Amino acid sequence: MIERVGTETAGGAGMVSRAHDLEGRPRDSIRVTVVALLPMVFLTATLLAEQLVNDYSARLGKILELSNILGIATQVVLAPFLVVSLIGAFALRRRNFRQGNWFAKVGSTATALACFLIVACVLAVATGPNPSPYEWKPLYSLPAALLALAPHLAIVSANVYIVVRLSKRRR
């Protein structure tokens, strides 16, 4: 009797083996690495854009200034989560799927939560009551705040994508 490759004899013909579900997808480690390094890429891009604009009195200069302040503060908070995600990516690369999945999901979840909290705080300040004249508030409108927070919103969505992608795998 000839048996098909990739099928189980006990499960009957046409049933795909579970070995494929337990294996990692080959590009998962690359995706986890890219998403983990995304905050640094966005910070570098906004720093370069701020140097090109070089006009802090214009609205775009103020938006880039806020984006850079948020990016630098976020790097301090996200550094441990970056390390955890990179450990997960390294474990996925070495075919240690259970450990890699766990580290990558923990790092991506923590990064998404931290960036979401930053977005919520900035939006609360931007939509809140007018500050006293001595407070620093470079944003005058909600669209300006959303533009300054665009990198953080992209980081949140990319990390949620990683968590969902890694969670779809059967155990």
C-alpha atoms as a PDB file:
ATOM      1  CA  MET A   1       0.000   0.000   0.000  1.00  0.00           C
ATOM      2  CA  ILE A   2       1.352   3.418  -0.941  1.00  0.00           C
ATOM      3  CA  GLU A   3       1.009   6.112   1.670  1.00  0.00           C
ATOM      4  CA  ARG A   4       0.788   9.805   0.919  1.00  0.00           C
ATOM      5  CA  VAL A   5       3.523  12.027   2.265  1.00  0.00           C
ATOM      6  CA  GLY A   6       2.282  14.299   5.045  1.00  0.00           C
ATOM      7  CA  THR A   7      -0.685  12.173   6.062  1.00  0.00           C
ATOM      8  CA  GLU A   8      -1.305  10.035   9.086  1.00  0.00           C
ATOM      9  CA  THR A   9      -2.272   6.400   8.556  1.00  0.00           C
ATOM     10  CA  ALA A  10      -4.312   6.265  11.761  1.00  0.00           C
ATOM     11  CA  GLY A  11      -6.266   9.394  10.858  1.00  0.00           C
ATOM     12  CA  GLY A  12      -7.142   8.238   7.378  1.00  0.00           C
ATOM     13  CA  ALA A  13      -6.173   9.478   3.973  1.00  0.00           C
ATOM     14  CA  GLY A  14      -6.238  13.206   3.420  1.00  0.00           C
ATOM     15  CA  MET A  15      -5.722  14.194   7.044  1.00  0.00           C
ATOM     16  CA  VAL A  16      -2.740  16.502   7.360  1.00  0.00           C
ATOM     17  CA  SER A  17      -0.310  15.598  10.119  1.00  0.00           C
ATOM     18  CA  ARG A  18      -0.044  17.807  13.157  1.00  0.00           C
ATOM     19  CA  ALA A  19       3.715  18.119  12.778  1.00  0.00           C
ATOM     20  CA  HIS A  20       3.232  21.123  10.499  1.00  0.00           C
ATOM     21  CA  ASP A  21       1.091  22.858  13.132  1.00  0.00           C
ATOM     22  CA  LEU A  22       3.732  22.312  15.790  1.00  0.00           C
ATOM     23  CA  GLU A  23       6.524  23.646  13.630  1.00  0.00           C
ATOM     24  CA  GLY A  24       7.148  27.329  13.419  1.00  0.00           C
ATOM     25  CA  ARG A  25       6.581  29.220  10.275  1.00  0.00           C
ATOM     26  CA  PRO A  26       9.971  29.998   8.743  1.00  0.00           C
ATOM     27  CA  ARG A  27       9.544  33.752   8.757  1.00  0.00           C
ATOM     28  CA  ASP A  28       8.149  34.142  12.275  1.00  0.00           C
ATOM     29  CA  SER A  29      11.551  34.938  13.752  1.00  0.00           C
ATOM     30  CA  ILE A  30      12.147  37.595  11.103  1.00  0.00           C
ATOM     31  CA  ARG A  31       8.733  39.156  11.733  1.00  0.00           C
ATOM     32  CA  VAL A  32       9.278  39.205  15.496  1.00  0.00           C
ATOM     33  CA  THR A  33      12.704  40.828  15.050  1.00  0.00           C
ATOM     34  CA  VAL A  34      11.430  43.506  12.666  1.00  0.00           C
ATOM     35  CA  VAL A  35       8.466  44.384  14.891  1.00  0.00           C
ATOM     36  CA  ALA A  36      10.688  44.457  17.993  1.00  0.00           C
ATOM     37  CA  LEU A  37      13.063  46.925  16.302  1.00  0.00           C
ATOM     38  CA  LEU A  38      10.233  49.070  14.915  1.00  0.00           C
ATOM     39  CA  PRO A  39      10.301  51.651  17.763  1.00  0.00           C
ATOM     40  CA  MET A  40      13.978  52.374  17.091  1.00  0.00           C
ATOM     41  CA  VAL A  41      13.332  52.713  13.366  1.00  0.00           C
ATOM     42  CA  PHE A  42      10.505  55.187  13.960  1.00  0.00           C
ATOM     43  CA  LEU A  43      12.574  57.187  16.445  1.00  0.00           C
ATOM     44  CA  THR A  44      15.441  57.422  13.966  1.00  0.00           C
ATOM     45  CA  ALA A  45      13.073  58.509  11.202  1.00  0.00           C
ATOM     46  CA  THR A  46      11.455  61.229  13.314  1.00  0.00           C
ATOM     47  CA  LEU A  47      14.825  62.502  14.525  1.00  0.00           C
ATOM     48  CA  LEU A  48      15.986  62.813  10.925  1.00  0.00           C
ATOM     49  CA  ALA A  49      12.721  64.467   9.901  1.00  0.00           C
ATOM     50  CA  GLU A  50      13.025  66.974  12.744  1.00  0.00           C
ATOM     51  CA  GLN A  51      16.532  67.887  11.602  1.00  0.00           C
ATOM     52  CA  LEU A  52      15.270  68.396   8.061  1.00  0.00           C
ATOM     53  CA  VAL A  53      12.350  70.606   9.130  1.00  0.00           C
ATOM     54  CA  ASN A  54      14.429  72.560  11.663  1.00  0.00           C
ATOM     55  CA  ASP A  55      11.600  75.023  12.331  1.00  0.00           C
ATOM     56  CA  TYR A  56      10.225  74.639  15.830  1.00  0.00           C
ATOM     57  CA  SER A  57       7.765  77.500  15.479  1.00  0.00           C
ATOM     58  CA  ALA A  58       5.830  75.754  12.699  1.00  0.00           C
ATOM     59  CA  ARG A  59       3.163  73.206  13.559  1.00  0.00           C
ATOM     60  CA  LEU A  60       5.086  70.373  11.857  1.00  0.00           C
ATOM     61  CA  GLY A  61       8.156  71.179  13.949  1.00  0.00           C
ATOM     62  CA  LYS A  62       6.094  70.984  17.145  1.00  0.00           C
ATOM     63  CA  ILE A  63       4.526  67.701  16.075  1.00  0.00           C
ATOM     64  CA  LEU A  64       7.951  66.212  15.314  1.00  0.00           C
ATOM     65  CA  GLU A  65       9.300  67.548  18.596  1.00  0.00           C
ATOM     66  CA  LEU A  66       6.526  65.822  20.541  1.00  0.00           C
ATOM     67  CA  SER A  67       6.997  62.641  18.529  1.00  0.00           C
ATOM     68  CA  ASN A  68      10.723  62.638  19.373  1.00  0.00           C
ATOM     69  CA  ILE A  69      10.115  63.243  23.075  1.00  0.00           C
ATOM     70  CA  LEU A  70       7.606  60.399  23.113  1.00  0.00           C
ATOM     71  CA  GLY A  71       9.972  58.190  21.118  1.00  0.00           C
ATOM     72  CA  ILE A  72      12.889  58.726  23.489  1.00  0.00           C
ATOM     73  CA  ALA A  73      10.716  58.162  26.558  1.00  0.00           C
ATOM     74  CA  THR A  74       9.245  55.080  24.940  1.00  0.00           C
ATOM     75  CA  GLN A  75      12.698  53.643  24.233  1.00  0.00           C
ATOM     76  CA  VAL A  76      13.488  53.749  27.936  1.00  0.00           C
ATOM     77  CA  VAL A  77      10.294  51.866  28.756  1.00  0.00           C
ATOM     78  CA  LEU A  78      10.456  49.425  25.835  1.00  0.00           C
ATOM     79  CA  ALA A  79      14.105  48.369  26.157  1.00  0.00           C
ATOM     80  CA  PRO A  80      13.372  45.334  28.384  1.00  0.00           C
ATOM     81  CA  PHE A  81      10.487  44.279  26.129  1.00  0.00           C
ATOM     82  CA  LEU A  82      12.776  44.552  23.116  1.00  0.00           C
ATOM     83  CA  VAL A  83      15.206  42.143  24.752  1.00  0.00           C
ATOM     84  CA  VAL A  84      12.408  39.676  25.576  1.00  0.00           C
ATOM     85  CA  SER A  85      11.100  39.794  22.001  1.00  0.00           C
ATOM     86  CA  LEU A  86      14.588  39.281  20.563  1.00  0.00           C
ATOM     87  CA  ILE A  87      15.097  36.273  22.854  1.00  0.00           C
ATOM     88  CA  GLY A  88      11.849  34.891  21.431  1.00  0.00           C
ATOM     89  CA  ALA A  89      12.986  35.550  17.861  1.00  0.00           C
ATOM     90  CA  PHE A  90      16.306  33.833  18.543  1.00  0.00           C
ATOM     91  CA  ALA A  91      14.530  30.805  20.037  1.00  0.00           C
ATOM     92  CA  LEU A  92      12.194  30.640  17.038  1.00  0.00           C
ATOM     93  CA  ARG A  93      15.205  30.762  14.730  1.00  0.00           C
ATOM     94  CA  ARG A  94      16.790  27.834  16.608  1.00  0.00           C
ATOM     95  CA  ARG A  95      13.542  25.831  16.284  1.00  0.00           C
ATOM     96  CA  ASN A  96      12.679  26.027  19.981  1.00  0.00           C
ATOM     97  CA  PHE A  97       9.076  26.907  19.177  1.00  0.00           C
ATOM     98  CA  ARG A  98       7.424  26.670  22.569  1.00  0.00           C
ATOM     99  CA  GLN A  99       9.964  28.916  24.305  1.00  0.00           C
ATOM    100  CA  GLY A 100      10.225  31.245  21.311  1.00  0.00           C
ATOM    101  CA  ASN A 101       6.461  31.618  21.104  1.00  0.00           C
ATOM    102  CA  TRP A 102       6.220  32.428  24.787  1.00  0.00           C
ATOM    103  CA  PHE A 103       8.992  35.038  24.813  1.00  0.00           C
ATOM    104  CA  ALA A 104       7.814  36.656  21.560  1.00  0.00           C
ATOM    105  CA  LYS A 105       4.204  36.865  22.731  1.00  0.00           C
ATOM    106  CA  VAL A 106       5.158  38.285  26.136  1.00  0.00           C
ATOM    107  CA  GLY A 107       7.465  40.896  24.599  1.00  0.00           C
ATOM    108  CA  SER A 108       4.965  41.912  21.927  1.00  0.00           C
ATOM    109  CA  THR A 109       2.054  42.067  24.378  1.00  0.00           C
ATOM    110  CA  ALA A 110       4.004  44.234  26.817  1.00  0.00           C
ATOM    111  CA  THR A 111       5.166  46.525  24.014  1.00  0.00           C
ATOM    112  CA  ALA A 112       1.634  46.899  22.665  1.00  0.00           C
ATOM    113  CA  LEU A 113       0.251  47.695  26.126  1.00  0.00           C
ATOM    114  CA  ALA A 114       2.975  50.246  26.886  1.00  0.00           C
ATOM    115  CA  CYS A 115       2.515  52.034  23.562  1.00  0.00           C
ATOM    116  CA  PHE A 116      -1.269  51.965  23.957  1.00  0.00           C
ATOM    117  CA  LEU A 117      -0.946  53.623  27.378  1.00  0.00           C
ATOM    118  CA  ILE A 118       1.277  56.324  25.889  1.00  0.00           C
ATOM    119  CA  VAL A 119      -1.268  56.923  23.114  1.00  0.00           C
ATOM    120  CA  ALA A 120      -4.132  57.116  25.634  1.00  0.00           C
ATOM    121  CA  CYS A 121      -2.255  59.583  27.865  1.00  0.00           C
ATOM    122  CA  VAL A 122      -1.308  61.914  25.017  1.00  0.00           C
ATOM    123  CA  LEU A 123      -4.842  61.842  23.616  1.00  0.00           C
ATOM    124  CA  ALA A 124      -6.234  62.607  27.072  1.00  0.00           C
ATOM    125  CA  VAL A 125      -3.978  65.666  27.307  1.00  0.00           C
ATOM    126  CA  ALA A 126      -4.760  66.766  23.735  1.00  0.00           C
ATOM    127  CA  THR A 127      -8.517  66.501  24.189  1.00  0.00           C
ATOM    128  CA  GLY A 128      -8.597  67.704  27.789  1.00  0.00           C
ATOM    129  CA  PRO A 129      -9.233  71.206  29.085  1.00  0.00           C
ATOM    130  CA  ASN A 130      -6.920  74.029  28.150  1.00  0.00           C
ATOM    131  CA  PRO A 131      -3.781  74.016  30.266  1.00  0.00           C
ATOM    132  CA  SER A 132      -2.656  76.929  32.324  1.00  0.00           C
ATOM    133  CA  PRO A 133      -0.368  79.379  30.500  1.00  0.00           C
ATOM    134  CA  TYR A 134       2.664  77.887  32.222  1.00  0.00           C
ATOM    135  CA  GLU A 135       2.101  74.310  31.017  1.00  0.00           C
ATOM    136  CA  TRP A 136       3.782  72.985  27.894  1.00  0.00           C
ATOM    137  CA  LYS A 137       1.252  71.796  25.332  1.00  0.00           C
ATOM    138  CA  PRO A 138       2.548  71.746  21.767  1.00  0.00           C
ATOM    139  CA  LEU A 139      -0.611  70.182  20.385  1.00  0.00           C
ATOM    140  CA  TYR A 140      -3.578  72.355  19.615  1.00  0.00           C
ATOM    141  CA  SER A 141      -5.824  69.827  17.922  1.00  0.00           C
ATOM    142  CA  LEU A 142      -6.678  66.159  17.886  1.00  0.00           C
ATOM    143  CA  PRO A 143      -5.386  65.639  14.294  1.00  0.00           C
ATOM    144  CA  ALA A 144      -1.985  66.998  15.336  1.00  0.00           C
ATOM    145  CA  ALA A 145      -1.913  64.612  18.295  1.00  0.00           C
ATOM    146  CA  LEU A 146      -2.830  61.675  16.061  1.00  0.00           C
ATOM    147  CA  LEU A 147      -0.078  62.645  13.628  1.00  0.00           C
ATOM    148  CA  ALA A 148       2.473  62.739  16.447  1.00  0.00           C
ATOM    149  CA  LEU A 149       1.206  59.369  17.699  1.00  0.00           C
ATOM    150  CA  ALA A 150       1.157  57.663  14.293  1.00  0.00           C
ATOM    151  CA  PRO A 151       4.396  55.718  14.947  1.00  0.00           C
ATOM    152  CA  HIS A 152       3.053  54.476  18.284  1.00  0.00           C
ATOM    153  CA  LEU A 153      -0.219  53.409  16.695  1.00  0.00           C
ATOM    154  CA  ALA A 154       1.745  51.491  14.047  1.00  0.00           C
ATOM    155  CA  ILE A 155       3.808  49.818  16.788  1.00  0.00           C
ATOM    156  CA  VAL A 156       0.646  48.762  18.629  1.00  0.00           C
ATOM    157  CA  SER A 157      -0.938  47.294  15.505  1.00  0.00           C
ATOM    158  CA  ALA A 158       2.254  45.463  14.459  1.00  0.00           C
ATOM    159  CA  ASN A 159       2.675  43.898  17.905  1.00  0.00           C
ATOM    160  CA  VAL A 160      -0.981  42.848  18.019  1.00  0.00           C
ATOM    161  CA  TYR A 161      -0.450  41.213  14.624  1.00  0.00           C
ATOM    162  CA  ILE A 162       2.527  39.250  15.995  1.00  0.00           C
ATOM    163  CA  VAL A 163       0.590  38.079  19.052  1.00  0.00           C
ATOM    164  CA  VAL A 164      -2.389  36.981  16.934  1.00  0.00           C
ATOM    165  CA  ARG A 165      -0.147  35.247  14.405  1.00  0.00           C
ATOM    166  CA  LEU A 166       1.752  33.316  17.058  1.00  0.00           C
ATOM    167  CA  SER A 167      -1.438  32.451  18.956  1.00  0.00           C
ATOM    168  CA  LYS A 168      -3.050  30.799  15.928  1.00  0.00           C
ATOM    169  CA  ARG A 169      -0.590  27.934  16.056  1.00  0.00           C
ATOM    170  CA  ARG A 170      -1.919  24.745  17.665  1.00  0.00           C
ATOM    171  CA  ARG A 171      -0.089  23.213  20.581  1.00  0.00           C
END
